[in-house]
Amino acid sequence: QVQLVDSGGGLVQAGGSLRLSCAFSGDVFGIYEMGWFRQAPGKERDLVASIRRSGSSIYGDNMKDRFTISRDNAENTVFLQMNSLKPEDTAVYYCNILPRGLITGYWGKGTLVTVSS
């Protein structure tokens, strides 16, 4: 009953931009939070950014300057605009949707972002 699709990754040169998107559908009683996480090789999965139902946003360390999270409530879609990408941004980016009433959310399968030097 729940479907979550994250997409938009790819290969980009340093300094370039990408826009990730995550579309959610399912039988839930509203969405509390939508967010993006990333996991680089050999590292833990870390928060990139999240946005809550109020519209407030939270960014992980060293993310706010170049990344922007936004949402489309009508389509239950969350976006991550990534600008001035650097090789160290290379990672698998995962979407997470937290519905109201749940402690843990639903994860996307991830979309790979590769930034070349």
N, C-alpha and C. Protein backbone atom coordinates (compact mmCIF):
# COMPACT_ATOMS: atom_id res chain seq x y z
N GLN A 1 0.81 -1.20 0.00
CA GLN A 1 0.00 0.00 0.00
C GLN A 1 0.85 1.26 0.00
N VAL A 2 2.10 1.13 0.34
CA VAL A 2 3.01 2.27 0.40
C VAL A 2 4.02 2.16 -0.75
N GLN A 3 4.19 3.27 -1.43
CA GLN A 3 5.15 3.34 -2.51
C GLN A 3 6.01 4.59 -2.35
N LEU A 4 7.30 4.42 -2.44
CA LEU A 4 8.24 5.52 -2.28
C LEU A 4 9.33 5.36 -3.33
N VAL A 5 9.49 6.37 -4.16
CA VAL A 5 10.46 6.31 -5.24
C VAL A 5 11.35 7.54 -5.18
N ASP A 6 12.65 7.32 -4.99
CA ASP A 6 13.60 8.42 -5.03
C ASP A 6 14.43 8.31 -6.31
N SER A 7 14.72 9.44 -6.89
CA SER A 7 15.38 9.47 -8.18
C SER A 7 16.11 10.79 -8.37
N GLY A 8 16.85 10.88 -9.46
CA GLY A 8 17.51 12.12 -9.83
C GLY A 8 19.01 12.09 -9.75
N GLY A 9 19.57 11.02 -9.23
CA GLY A 9 21.01 10.93 -9.14
C GLY A 9 21.64 10.70 -10.49
N GLY A 10 22.95 10.76 -10.50
CA GLY A 10 23.69 10.56 -11.72
C GLY A 10 25.12 11.00 -11.57
N LEU A 11 25.80 11.08 -12.69
CA LEU A 11 27.19 11.51 -12.74
C LEU A 11 27.25 12.97 -13.13
N VAL A 12 27.96 13.75 -12.35
CA VAL A 12 28.08 15.18 -12.61
C VAL A 12 29.50 15.62 -12.29
N GLN A 13 29.96 16.61 -13.01
CA GLN A 13 31.28 17.16 -12.74
C GLN A 13 31.24 18.11 -11.55
N ALA A 14 32.37 18.26 -10.91
CA ALA A 14 32.47 19.19 -9.79
C ALA A 14 32.01 20.58 -10.21
N GLY A 15 31.22 21.19 -9.35
CA GLY A 15 30.65 22.49 -9.65
C GLY A 15 29.28 22.42 -10.27
N GLY A 16 28.86 21.25 -10.67
CA GLY A 16 27.57 21.09 -11.29
C GLY A 16 26.45 20.97 -10.29
N SER A 17 25.25 20.73 -10.80
CA SER A 17 24.05 20.67 -9.97
C SER A 17 23.22 19.45 -10.31
N LEU A 18 22.48 18.99 -9.33
CA LEU A 18 21.51 17.93 -9.50
C LEU A 18 20.30 18.24 -8.64
N ARG A 19 19.16 17.73 -9.06
CA ARG A 19 17.94 17.86 -8.29
C ARG A 19 17.33 16.48 -8.07
N LEU A 20 17.32 16.06 -6.83
CA LEU A 20 16.75 14.78 -6.47
C LEU A 20 15.28 14.95 -6.14
N SER A 21 14.50 13.92 -6.39
CA SER A 21 13.09 13.95 -6.06
C SER A 21 12.68 12.64 -5.43
N CYS A 22 11.65 12.72 -4.61
CA CYS A 22 11.13 11.54 -3.93
C CYS A 22 9.62 11.67 -3.89
N ALA A 23 8.94 10.72 -4.49
CA ALA A 23 7.48 10.71 -4.55
C ALA A 23 6.94 9.60 -3.66
N PHE A 24 5.97 9.96 -2.84
CA PHE A 24 5.41 9.03 -1.87
C PHE A 24 3.91 8.89 -2.08
N SER A 25 3.42 7.69 -1.93
CA SER A 25 2.00 7.43 -1.93
C SER A 25 1.71 6.26 -1.01
N GLY A 26 0.53 6.27 -0.40
CA GLY A 26 0.16 5.18 0.48
C GLY A 26 -0.94 5.58 1.44
N ASP A 27 -1.43 4.58 2.16
CA ASP A 27 -2.51 4.79 3.11
C ASP A 27 -1.93 5.21 4.46
N VAL A 28 -1.62 6.48 4.57
CA VAL A 28 -1.15 7.04 5.82
C VAL A 28 -2.01 8.24 6.18
N PHE A 29 -2.00 8.58 7.44
CA PHE A 29 -2.81 9.69 7.92
C PHE A 29 -1.97 10.94 8.04
N GLY A 30 -1.43 11.35 6.91
CA GLY A 30 -0.63 12.55 6.87
C GLY A 30 0.86 12.25 7.03
N ILE A 31 1.66 13.15 6.51
CA ILE A 31 3.11 13.02 6.58
C ILE A 31 3.65 14.04 7.58
N TYR A 32 4.48 13.55 8.48
CA TYR A 32 5.05 14.43 9.49
C TYR A 32 6.37 15.05 9.01
N GLU A 33 7.19 14.25 8.36
CA GLU A 33 8.51 14.73 7.97
C GLU A 33 8.98 14.01 6.71
N MET A 34 9.68 14.74 5.87
CA MET A 34 10.30 14.19 4.68
C MET A 34 11.76 14.61 4.68
N GLY A 35 12.63 13.69 4.36
CA GLY A 35 14.03 14.04 4.45
C GLY A 35 14.91 13.27 3.49
N TRP A 36 16.14 13.73 3.42
CA TRP A 36 17.18 13.11 2.61
C TRP A 36 18.37 12.78 3.48
N PHE A 37 18.90 11.59 3.29
CA PHE A 37 20.10 11.13 3.95
C PHE A 37 21.08 10.65 2.88
N ARG A 38 22.33 10.58 3.25
CA ARG A 38 23.31 10.06 2.30
C ARG A 38 24.31 9.17 3.03
N GLN A 39 24.86 8.25 2.26
CA GLN A 39 25.85 7.34 2.80
C GLN A 39 26.97 7.19 1.78
N ALA A 40 28.14 7.65 2.16
CA ALA A 40 29.33 7.53 1.34
C ALA A 40 30.03 6.22 1.65
N PRO A 41 30.87 5.75 0.75
CA PRO A 41 31.58 4.49 1.00
C PRO A 41 32.36 4.53 2.30
N GLY A 42 32.17 3.51 3.12
CA GLY A 42 32.88 3.40 4.38
C GLY A 42 32.40 4.30 5.49
N LYS A 43 31.29 4.99 5.29
CA LYS A 43 30.78 5.91 6.29
C LYS A 43 29.34 5.57 6.65
N GLU A 44 28.89 6.15 7.76
CA GLU A 44 27.52 5.95 8.21
C GLU A 44 26.56 6.82 7.40
N ARG A 45 25.30 6.46 7.47
CA ARG A 45 24.27 7.24 6.81
C ARG A 45 23.99 8.50 7.63
N ASP A 46 24.12 9.65 7.00
CA ASP A 46 23.99 10.92 7.69
C ASP A 46 22.85 11.74 7.10
N LEU A 47 22.31 12.60 7.94
CA LEU A 47 21.26 13.51 7.51
C LEU A 47 21.81 14.56 6.55
N VAL A 48 21.11 14.75 5.45
CA VAL A 48 21.38 15.86 4.55
C VAL A 48 20.45 17.02 4.87
N ALA A 49 19.16 16.76 4.82
CA ALA A 49 18.17 17.78 5.13
C ALA A 49 16.82 17.12 5.34
N SER A 50 15.98 17.75 6.11
CA SER A 50 14.61 17.28 6.29
C SER A 50 13.68 18.47 6.42
N ILE A 51 12.44 18.25 6.09
CA ILE A 51 11.43 19.30 6.17
C ILE A 51 10.19 18.71 6.82
N ARG A 52 9.62 19.44 7.76
CA ARG A 52 8.47 18.97 8.50
C ARG A 52 7.17 19.61 8.02
N ARG A 53 6.07 19.12 8.54
CA ARG A 53 4.76 19.57 8.09
C ARG A 53 4.58 21.07 8.28
N SER A 54 5.25 21.63 9.26
CA SER A 54 5.17 23.06 9.49
C SER A 54 5.91 23.87 8.45
N GLY A 55 6.77 23.22 7.68
CA GLY A 55 7.60 23.90 6.71
C GLY A 55 9.01 24.17 7.19
N SER A 56 9.27 23.93 8.44
CA SER A 56 10.61 24.15 8.98
C SER A 56 11.57 23.09 8.44
N SER A 57 12.80 23.49 8.24
CA SER A 57 13.80 22.62 7.66
C SER A 57 15.00 22.47 8.60
N ILE A 58 15.63 21.33 8.51
CA ILE A 58 16.84 21.04 9.26
C ILE A 58 17.88 20.52 8.28
N TYR A 59 19.10 21.00 8.44
CA TYR A 59 20.18 20.58 7.56
C TYR A 59 21.29 19.93 8.37
N GLY A 60 21.93 18.96 7.76
CA GLY A 60 23.09 18.35 8.37
C GLY A 60 24.30 19.26 8.29
N ASP A 61 25.37 18.82 8.92
CA ASP A 61 26.59 19.63 8.94
C ASP A 61 27.10 19.87 7.53
N ASN A 62 27.44 21.11 7.26
CA ASN A 62 28.04 21.52 5.98
C ASN A 62 27.12 21.28 4.78
N MET A 63 25.83 21.32 4.99
CA MET A 63 24.87 21.08 3.92
C MET A 63 24.12 22.33 3.49
N LYS A 64 23.87 23.22 4.41
CA LYS A 64 22.96 24.33 4.17
C LYS A 64 23.46 25.29 3.10
N ASP A 65 24.75 25.44 2.94
CA ASP A 65 25.28 26.42 2.01
C ASP A 65 24.99 26.07 0.55
N ARG A 66 24.94 24.80 0.24
CA ARG A 66 24.83 24.37 -1.15
C ARG A 66 23.58 23.56 -1.46
N PHE A 67 22.93 23.02 -0.44
CA PHE A 67 21.77 22.16 -0.65
C PHE A 67 20.51 22.85 -0.15
N THR A 68 19.40 22.60 -0.83
CA THR A 68 18.12 23.16 -0.44
C THR A 68 17.04 22.10 -0.55
N ILE A 69 16.29 21.92 0.52
CA ILE A 69 15.19 20.97 0.51
C ILE A 69 13.88 21.72 0.32
N SER A 70 12.97 21.13 -0.42
CA SER A 70 11.66 21.71 -0.64
C SER A 70 10.65 20.60 -0.83
N ARG A 71 9.39 20.97 -0.88
CA ARG A 71 8.34 19.97 -0.98
C ARG A 71 7.21 20.45 -1.87
N ASP A 72 6.46 19.50 -2.38
CA ASP A 72 5.25 19.75 -3.13
C ASP A 72 4.16 18.95 -2.43
N ASN A 73 3.38 19.61 -1.60
CA ASN A 73 2.38 18.92 -0.81
C ASN A 73 1.30 18.26 -1.66
N ALA A 74 0.95 18.91 -2.75
CA ALA A 74 -0.10 18.37 -3.61
C ALA A 74 0.28 17.02 -4.20
N GLU A 75 1.57 16.80 -4.39
CA GLU A 75 2.03 15.57 -5.00
C GLU A 75 2.77 14.67 -4.01
N ASN A 76 2.81 15.07 -2.74
CA ASN A 76 3.57 14.32 -1.74
C ASN A 76 4.98 14.02 -2.21
N THR A 77 5.64 15.07 -2.64
CA THR A 77 6.97 14.95 -3.21
C THR A 77 7.94 15.88 -2.48
N VAL A 78 9.12 15.39 -2.23
CA VAL A 78 10.17 16.19 -1.62
C VAL A 78 11.35 16.25 -2.59
N PHE A 79 11.99 17.40 -2.64
CA PHE A 79 13.10 17.63 -3.56
C PHE A 79 14.35 18.01 -2.78
N LEU A 80 15.47 17.73 -3.37
CA LEU A 80 16.75 18.19 -2.85
C LEU A 80 17.53 18.81 -4.00
N GLN A 81 17.67 20.12 -3.96
CA GLN A 81 18.46 20.83 -4.96
C GLN A 81 19.90 20.90 -4.46
N MET A 82 20.81 20.38 -5.26
CA MET A 82 22.22 20.34 -4.90
C MET A 82 23.01 21.16 -5.90
N ASN A 83 23.69 22.17 -5.41
CA ASN A 83 24.48 23.05 -6.24
C ASN A 83 25.95 23.00 -5.82
N SER A 84 26.80 23.42 -6.73
CA SER A 84 28.24 23.48 -6.46
C SER A 84 28.75 22.17 -5.88
N LEU A 85 28.40 21.10 -6.54
CA LEU A 85 28.74 19.78 -6.03
C LEU A 85 30.25 19.55 -6.02
N LYS A 86 30.67 18.80 -5.04
CA LYS A 86 32.07 18.48 -4.85
C LYS A 86 32.25 16.97 -4.86
N PRO A 87 33.45 16.50 -5.17
CA PRO A 87 33.68 15.05 -5.16
C PRO A 87 33.31 14.39 -3.84
N GLU A 88 33.49 15.08 -2.73
CA GLU A 88 33.15 14.50 -1.44
C GLU A 88 31.65 14.35 -1.22
N ASP A 89 30.84 14.90 -2.12
CA ASP A 89 29.40 14.70 -2.07
C ASP A 89 28.98 13.36 -2.65
N THR A 90 29.91 12.66 -3.24
CA THR A 90 29.60 11.36 -3.83
C THR A 90 29.08 10.41 -2.76
N ALA A 91 27.89 9.87 -3.00
CA ALA A 91 27.25 9.01 -2.03
C ALA A 91 25.95 8.49 -2.63
N VAL A 92 25.37 7.53 -1.96
CA VAL A 92 24.01 7.12 -2.25
C VAL A 92 23.09 7.97 -1.39
N TYR A 93 22.15 8.62 -2.03
CA TYR A 93 21.21 9.50 -1.33
C TYR A 93 19.89 8.78 -1.17
N TYR A 94 19.39 8.76 0.05
CA TYR A 94 18.17 8.04 0.39
C TYR A 94 17.09 9.00 0.85
N CYS A 95 15.90 8.79 0.34
CA CYS A 95 14.74 9.53 0.81
C CYS A 95 14.11 8.79 1.98
N ASN A 96 13.60 9.54 2.94
CA ASN A 96 12.87 8.96 4.06
C ASN A 96 11.61 9.76 4.32
N ILE A 97 10.51 9.04 4.44
CA ILE A 97 9.21 9.66 4.70
C ILE A 97 8.70 9.15 6.03
N LEU A 98 8.38 10.06 6.94
CA LEU A 98 7.86 9.70 8.25
C LEU A 98 6.41 10.13 8.34
N PRO A 99 5.49 9.18 8.28
CA PRO A 99 4.07 9.54 8.42
C PRO A 99 3.72 9.87 9.86
N ARG A 100 2.61 10.53 10.03
CA ARG A 100 2.09 10.77 11.37
C ARG A 100 1.80 9.45 12.06
N GLY A 101 2.14 9.38 13.33
CA GLY A 101 1.83 8.22 14.13
C GLY A 101 2.86 7.12 14.11
N LEU A 102 3.92 7.27 13.36
CA LEU A 102 4.97 6.26 13.29
C LEU A 102 6.26 6.79 13.89
N ILE A 103 7.04 5.88 14.45
CA ILE A 103 8.33 6.24 15.03
C ILE A 103 9.42 6.22 13.96
N THR A 104 9.36 5.24 13.09
CA THR A 104 10.31 5.14 11.99
C THR A 104 9.59 5.31 10.67
N GLY A 105 10.32 5.79 9.69
CA GLY A 105 9.72 6.08 8.41
C GLY A 105 10.01 5.03 7.35
N TYR A 106 9.61 5.35 6.15
CA TYR A 106 9.85 4.50 5.00
C TYR A 106 11.06 5.01 4.23
N TRP A 107 11.88 4.07 3.80
CA TRP A 107 13.09 4.41 3.06
C TRP A 107 12.95 4.12 1.58
N GLY A 108 13.49 5.01 0.77
CA GLY A 108 13.66 4.71 -0.63
C GLY A 108 14.85 3.79 -0.84
N LYS A 109 14.96 3.30 -2.04
CA LYS A 109 16.08 2.41 -2.35
C LYS A 109 17.40 3.15 -2.54
N GLY A 110 17.34 4.45 -2.68
CA GLY A 110 18.52 5.26 -2.83
C GLY A 110 18.82 5.57 -4.29
N THR A 111 19.43 6.71 -4.50
CA THR A 111 19.87 7.11 -5.82
C THR A 111 21.32 7.57 -5.73
N LEU A 112 22.14 7.07 -6.61
CA LEU A 112 23.58 7.30 -6.55
C LEU A 112 23.95 8.63 -7.18
N VAL A 113 24.69 9.42 -6.43
CA VAL A 113 25.24 10.67 -6.93
C VAL A 113 26.76 10.53 -6.97
N THR A 114 27.32 10.71 -8.14
CA THR A 114 28.75 10.62 -8.32
C THR A 114 29.26 11.94 -8.88
N VAL A 115 30.18 12.55 -8.17
CA VAL A 115 30.73 13.84 -8.57
C VAL A 115 32.19 13.64 -8.93
N SER A 116 32.53 13.92 -10.15
CA SER A 116 33.90 13.76 -10.62
C SER A 116 34.67 15.06 -10.44
N SER A 117 35.97 14.93 -10.29
CA SER A 117 36.82 16.10 -10.08
C SER A 117 37.13 16.80 -11.39
